[in-house]
Amino acid sequence: MPLYNYQCESCGHQLEAIQKLSEAPLTDCPACAAPRLTKAVSRAGFRLSGTGWYETDFKTGAKKNLAGADKAD
């Protein structure tokens, strides 16, 4: 389930909520009880790493070692 960030336009309170994609967005602020919650923009909470996500996985020949190219000289 995704993690959503919310911010109250009335009091500025911020919170995170784990919700299903099919759930309606939250509207009532838990701090001031005003119906002024809006979804806040946030950065992605994951990092692509490990086997299958490196820049060298789908490259061939001389293009295979892009990260170490500067170190060889």
Protein backbone atom coordinates (compact mmCIF):
# COMPACT_ATOMS: atom_id res chain seq x y z
CA MET A 1 0.00 0.00 0.00
CA PRO A 2 1.27 3.48 -0.82
CA LEU A 3 2.30 6.03 1.77
CA TYR A 4 0.71 9.46 1.27
CA ASN A 5 1.76 12.78 2.79
CA TYR A 6 -0.93 15.26 3.78
CA GLN A 7 -0.81 18.86 4.99
CA CYS A 8 -3.61 20.89 6.57
CA GLU A 9 -4.21 24.22 4.84
CA SER A 10 -5.75 25.59 8.03
CA CYS A 11 -3.16 24.84 10.74
CA GLY A 12 -0.16 23.51 8.74
CA HIS A 13 -0.17 20.09 10.45
CA GLN A 14 1.61 17.39 8.40
CA LEU A 15 1.00 13.64 8.52
CA GLU A 16 1.67 10.42 6.65
CA ALA A 17 -1.03 7.85 5.95
CA ILE A 18 -0.86 4.35 4.50
CA GLN A 19 -3.88 3.92 2.24
CA LYS A 20 -5.08 1.63 -0.50
CA LEU A 21 -5.18 3.09 -4.00
CA SER A 22 -8.96 2.66 -4.00
CA GLU A 23 -9.49 4.60 -0.73
CA ALA A 24 -10.75 8.18 -0.81
CA PRO A 25 -8.23 10.84 0.22
CA LEU A 26 -8.31 12.05 3.82
CA THR A 27 -10.04 15.40 4.37
CA ASP A 28 -10.27 16.06 8.14
CA CYS A 29 -7.17 17.23 10.01
CA PRO A 30 -6.49 15.22 13.20
CA ALA A 31 -4.93 18.29 14.88
CA CYS A 32 -7.59 20.98 14.33
CA ALA A 33 -10.52 18.92 12.92
CA ALA A 34 -10.87 21.27 9.93
CA PRO A 35 -11.75 19.61 6.60
CA ARG A 36 -8.70 21.18 4.91
CA LEU A 37 -6.25 18.29 4.31
CA THR A 38 -4.54 18.19 0.93
CA LYS A 39 -2.03 15.70 -0.45
CA ALA A 40 1.50 17.04 -0.29
CA VAL A 41 4.14 16.32 -2.94
CA SER A 42 6.93 14.06 -1.72
CA ARG A 43 9.95 12.25 -3.08
CA ALA A 44 9.79 8.59 -3.98
CA GLY A 45 10.48 6.31 -1.04
CA PHE A 46 12.47 3.65 -2.85
CA ARG A 47 15.82 3.17 -4.50
CA LEU A 48 16.49 0.91 -7.46
CA SER A 49 19.56 -1.11 -6.52
CA GLY A 50 20.73 -4.68 -6.65
CA THR A 51 20.97 -7.16 -9.49
CA GLY A 52 19.00 -6.01 -12.50
CA TRP A 53 19.11 -2.28 -11.84
CA TYR A 54 22.70 -1.28 -12.63
CA GLU A 55 23.59 0.89 -15.62
CA THR A 56 25.78 -1.93 -16.97
CA ASP A 57 23.11 -4.64 -17.10
CA PHE A 58 21.89 -4.03 -20.64
CA LYS A 59 25.02 -2.58 -22.23
CA THR A 60 27.58 -4.37 -24.38
CA GLY A 61 31.22 -3.93 -25.36
CA ALA A 62 33.00 -0.66 -24.48
CA LYS A 63 29.82 0.90 -23.10
CA LYS A 64 29.65 -1.65 -20.27
CA ASN A 65 31.83 0.19 -17.70
CA LEU A 66 30.48 3.75 -17.70
CA ALA A 67 31.00 4.46 -13.98
CA GLY A 68 34.65 3.37 -13.96
CA ALA A 69 35.64 5.00 -17.29
CA ASP A 70 37.19 8.08 -15.64
CA LYS A 71 39.19 6.04 -13.11
CA ALA A 72 41.14 4.14 -15.78
CA ASP A 73 42.90 7.30 -17.06
